[in-house]
Amino acid sequence: MNSTCWLYAKPSLIQIMRKLAILMMFLFTVSIIPAFAQNTHLDEEDETIRAKIIECEDKISNDVSLTVASKTVQKRNCSSEI
């Protein structure tokens, strides 16, 4: 009796598993697409601002009179002020 039920259920289970595999591939693709769709292009203004921030952070890092905590605070200020 059990083997007869399996013979009838096996084709439908195989069909369901194939559909499930296709669904999983679709969901994986949909979840990855937004990561590649982000705008990674920087225009000249963005590059200029980033260069100023890096210059400010380098200047603070090279200052030996500051403590580590004050350097951290000032580096944060570089980003927010510029």
N, C-alpha and C. Protein backbone atom coordinates (compact mmCIF):
# COMPACT_ATOMS: atom_id res chain seq x y z
N MET A 1 0.83 -1.20 0.00
CA MET A 1 0.00 0.00 0.00
C MET A 1 0.87 1.26 0.00
N ASN A 2 1.90 1.28 0.85
CA ASN A 2 2.74 2.47 0.93
C ASN A 2 3.49 2.73 -0.37
N SER A 3 3.96 1.67 -1.02
CA SER A 3 4.70 1.87 -2.27
C SER A 3 3.79 2.38 -3.38
N THR A 4 2.53 2.00 -3.36
CA THR A 4 1.59 2.49 -4.36
C THR A 4 1.35 3.99 -4.19
N CYS A 5 1.22 4.44 -2.96
CA CYS A 5 1.04 5.88 -2.70
C CYS A 5 2.25 6.66 -3.16
N TRP A 6 3.43 6.11 -2.93
CA TRP A 6 4.65 6.79 -3.32
C TRP A 6 4.73 6.93 -4.84
N LEU A 7 4.31 5.93 -5.55
CA LEU A 7 4.35 5.98 -7.01
C LEU A 7 3.45 7.07 -7.56
N TYR A 8 2.33 7.30 -6.90
CA TYR A 8 1.43 8.37 -7.35
C TYR A 8 1.92 9.75 -6.90
N ALA A 9 2.58 9.83 -5.76
CA ALA A 9 3.00 11.11 -5.22
C ALA A 9 4.33 11.58 -5.80
N LYS A 10 5.17 10.65 -6.24
CA LYS A 10 6.51 11.01 -6.70
C LYS A 10 6.52 12.01 -7.86
N PRO A 11 5.75 11.84 -8.93
CA PRO A 11 5.79 12.85 -10.02
C PRO A 11 5.36 14.24 -9.57
N SER A 12 4.36 14.32 -8.73
CA SER A 12 3.92 15.64 -8.28
C SER A 12 4.96 16.28 -7.35
N LEU A 13 5.64 15.47 -6.54
CA LEU A 13 6.69 16.02 -5.68
C LEU A 13 7.87 16.54 -6.50
N ILE A 14 8.22 15.80 -7.54
CA ILE A 14 9.31 16.25 -8.41
C ILE A 14 8.94 17.56 -9.09
N GLN A 15 7.73 17.68 -9.53
CA GLN A 15 7.27 18.92 -10.18
C GLN A 15 7.29 20.09 -9.19
N ILE A 16 6.87 19.84 -7.96
CA ILE A 16 6.88 20.89 -6.94
C ILE A 16 8.31 21.31 -6.62
N MET A 17 9.23 20.35 -6.54
CA MET A 17 10.62 20.67 -6.25
C MET A 17 11.25 21.50 -7.36
N ARG A 18 10.90 21.22 -8.61
CA ARG A 18 11.42 22.03 -9.72
C ARG A 18 10.91 23.46 -9.64
N LYS A 19 9.63 23.61 -9.35
CA LYS A 19 9.06 24.95 -9.22
C LYS A 19 9.68 25.69 -8.04
N LEU A 20 9.95 24.96 -6.96
CA LEU A 20 10.56 25.58 -5.79
C LEU A 20 11.98 26.05 -6.10
N ALA A 21 12.72 25.27 -6.88
CA ALA A 21 14.07 25.67 -7.26
C ALA A 21 14.04 26.94 -8.11
N ILE A 22 13.11 27.03 -9.04
CA ILE A 22 12.98 28.22 -9.88
C ILE A 22 12.59 29.42 -9.02
N LEU A 23 11.69 29.22 -8.09
CA LEU A 23 11.28 30.30 -7.20
C LEU A 23 12.45 30.79 -6.34
N MET A 24 13.25 29.87 -5.84
CA MET A 24 14.40 30.26 -5.02
C MET A 24 15.42 31.04 -5.84
N MET A 25 15.67 30.64 -7.08
CA MET A 25 16.59 31.39 -7.94
C MET A 25 16.05 32.80 -8.22
N PHE A 26 14.76 32.90 -8.45
CA PHE A 26 14.15 34.21 -8.68
C PHE A 26 14.28 35.11 -7.45
N LEU A 27 13.99 34.57 -6.28
CA LEU A 27 14.10 35.35 -5.05
C LEU A 27 15.54 35.77 -4.78
N PHE A 28 16.48 34.90 -5.06
CA PHE A 28 17.90 35.25 -4.89
C PHE A 28 18.29 36.38 -5.83
N THR A 29 17.85 36.31 -7.07
CA THR A 29 18.16 37.35 -8.04
C THR A 29 17.54 38.69 -7.65
N VAL A 30 16.32 38.65 -7.21
CA VAL A 30 15.63 39.89 -6.81
C VAL A 30 16.29 40.51 -5.58
N SER A 31 16.82 39.69 -4.70
CA SER A 31 17.45 40.24 -3.50
C SER A 31 18.82 40.83 -3.79
N ILE A 32 19.48 40.40 -4.86
CA ILE A 32 20.82 40.91 -5.19
C ILE A 32 20.76 42.14 -6.07
N ILE A 33 19.78 42.28 -6.91
CA ILE A 33 19.71 43.38 -7.87
C ILE A 33 19.85 44.76 -7.23
N PRO A 34 19.20 45.06 -6.10
CA PRO A 34 19.36 46.40 -5.53
C PRO A 34 20.80 46.74 -5.14
N ALA A 35 21.60 45.76 -4.78
CA ALA A 35 22.99 46.03 -4.44
C ALA A 35 23.77 46.52 -5.65
N PHE A 36 23.48 46.01 -6.83
CA PHE A 36 24.17 46.44 -8.03
C PHE A 36 23.56 47.69 -8.64
N ALA A 37 22.36 48.04 -8.23
CA ALA A 37 21.68 49.18 -8.81
C ALA A 37 22.02 50.50 -8.12
N GLN A 38 22.81 50.45 -7.06
CA GLN A 38 23.14 51.68 -6.36
C GLN A 38 24.02 52.56 -7.23
N ASN A 39 23.84 53.85 -7.06
CA ASN A 39 24.62 54.81 -7.83
C ASN A 39 26.01 54.93 -7.22
N THR A 40 27.00 54.41 -7.91
CA THR A 40 28.37 54.47 -7.40
C THR A 40 29.20 55.52 -8.13
N HIS A 41 28.57 56.28 -9.00
CA HIS A 41 29.28 57.31 -9.75
C HIS A 41 29.42 58.56 -8.89
N LEU A 42 30.63 59.09 -8.86
CA LEU A 42 30.88 60.33 -8.13
C LEU A 42 31.14 61.44 -9.15
N ASP A 43 30.43 62.53 -9.01
CA ASP A 43 30.70 63.65 -9.90
C ASP A 43 31.85 64.48 -9.33
N GLU A 44 32.22 65.54 -10.01
CA GLU A 44 33.37 66.34 -9.61
C GLU A 44 33.18 66.98 -8.23
N GLU A 45 31.96 67.41 -7.95
CA GLU A 45 31.70 68.05 -6.66
C GLU A 45 31.89 67.04 -5.51
N ASP A 46 31.39 65.82 -5.69
CA ASP A 46 31.55 64.79 -4.67
C ASP A 46 33.02 64.44 -4.46
N GLU A 47 33.78 64.36 -5.56
CA GLU A 47 35.21 64.06 -5.45
C GLU A 47 35.95 65.18 -4.72
N THR A 48 35.58 66.41 -4.98
CA THR A 48 36.20 67.55 -4.30
C THR A 48 35.91 67.53 -2.82
N ILE A 49 34.67 67.26 -2.46
CA ILE A 49 34.29 67.20 -1.05
C ILE A 49 35.03 66.06 -0.35
N ARG A 50 35.10 64.90 -1.00
CA ARG A 50 35.80 63.75 -0.41
C ARG A 50 37.28 64.05 -0.22
N ALA A 51 37.88 64.75 -1.18
CA ALA A 51 39.30 65.12 -1.06
C ALA A 51 39.53 66.07 0.11
N LYS A 52 38.61 67.01 0.30
CA LYS A 52 38.73 67.94 1.44
C LYS A 52 38.60 67.21 2.76
N ILE A 53 37.69 66.26 2.84
CA ILE A 53 37.51 65.49 4.07
C ILE A 53 38.76 64.67 4.38
N ILE A 54 39.32 64.03 3.37
CA ILE A 54 40.54 63.24 3.57
C ILE A 54 41.71 64.13 3.99
N GLU A 55 41.81 65.29 3.37
CA GLU A 55 42.88 66.24 3.73
C GLU A 55 42.74 66.68 5.18
N CYS A 56 41.51 67.00 5.60
CA CYS A 56 41.26 67.42 6.97
C CYS A 56 41.60 66.29 7.95
N GLU A 57 41.20 65.06 7.63
CA GLU A 57 41.48 63.93 8.52
C GLU A 57 42.97 63.63 8.59
N ASP A 58 43.68 63.78 7.48
CA ASP A 58 45.13 63.57 7.49
C ASP A 58 45.84 64.60 8.35
N LYS A 59 45.37 65.85 8.25
CA LYS A 59 45.97 66.92 9.05
C LYS A 59 45.78 66.64 10.54
N ILE A 60 44.62 66.16 10.91
CA ILE A 60 44.34 65.85 12.31
C ILE A 60 45.15 64.63 12.77
N SER A 61 45.28 63.63 11.91
CA SER A 61 46.03 62.42 12.27
C SER A 61 47.50 62.73 12.49
N ASN A 62 48.05 63.68 11.76
CA ASN A 62 49.47 64.03 11.88
C ASN A 62 49.76 64.96 13.05
N ASP A 63 48.75 65.50 13.69
CA ASP A 63 48.94 66.40 14.83
C ASP A 63 49.23 65.57 16.08
N VAL A 64 50.46 65.67 16.58
CA VAL A 64 50.87 64.85 17.73
C VAL A 64 50.41 65.44 19.06
N SER A 65 49.97 66.68 19.06
CA SER A 65 49.57 67.31 20.32
C SER A 65 48.17 66.89 20.76
N LEU A 66 47.42 66.24 19.89
CA LEU A 66 46.05 65.85 20.21
C LEU A 66 46.00 64.42 20.78
N THR A 67 45.04 64.18 21.64
CA THR A 67 44.82 62.83 22.15
C THR A 67 44.00 62.04 21.13
N VAL A 68 43.93 60.75 21.35
CA VAL A 68 43.18 59.90 20.42
C VAL A 68 41.70 60.28 20.42
N ALA A 69 41.17 60.57 21.59
CA ALA A 69 39.75 60.94 21.69
C ALA A 69 39.47 62.26 20.96
N SER A 70 40.34 63.23 21.15
CA SER A 70 40.11 64.52 20.48
C SER A 70 40.29 64.40 18.96
N LYS A 71 41.20 63.51 18.53
CA LYS A 71 41.36 63.28 17.10
C LYS A 71 40.08 62.69 16.51
N THR A 72 39.49 61.77 17.24
CA THR A 72 38.26 61.14 16.77
C THR A 72 37.14 62.17 16.63
N VAL A 73 37.01 63.02 17.63
CA VAL A 73 35.97 64.04 17.60
C VAL A 73 36.20 65.02 16.45
N GLN A 74 37.43 65.42 16.27
CA GLN A 74 37.72 66.39 15.20
C GLN A 74 37.55 65.77 13.82
N LYS A 75 37.85 64.48 13.69
CA LYS A 75 37.64 63.82 12.39
C LYS A 75 36.16 63.75 12.06
N ARG A 76 35.34 63.52 13.08
CA ARG A 76 33.89 63.53 12.85
C ARG A 76 33.44 64.92 12.42
N ASN A 77 34.02 65.94 13.04
CA ASN A 77 33.67 67.31 12.68
C ASN A 77 34.06 67.64 11.25
N CYS A 78 35.15 67.03 10.76
CA CYS A 78 35.55 67.26 9.36
C CYS A 78 34.43 66.85 8.42
N SER A 79 33.87 65.70 8.65
CA SER A 79 32.82 65.19 7.76
C SER A 79 31.55 66.04 7.86
N SER A 80 31.20 66.40 9.07
CA SER A 80 29.94 67.14 9.24
C SER A 80 30.06 68.60 8.79
N GLU A 81 31.20 69.22 8.97
CA GLU A 81 31.36 70.62 8.59
C GLU A 81 31.51 70.80 7.09
N ILE A 82 32.23 69.89 6.47
CA ILE A 82 32.48 70.04 5.02
C ILE A 82 31.23 69.59 4.29
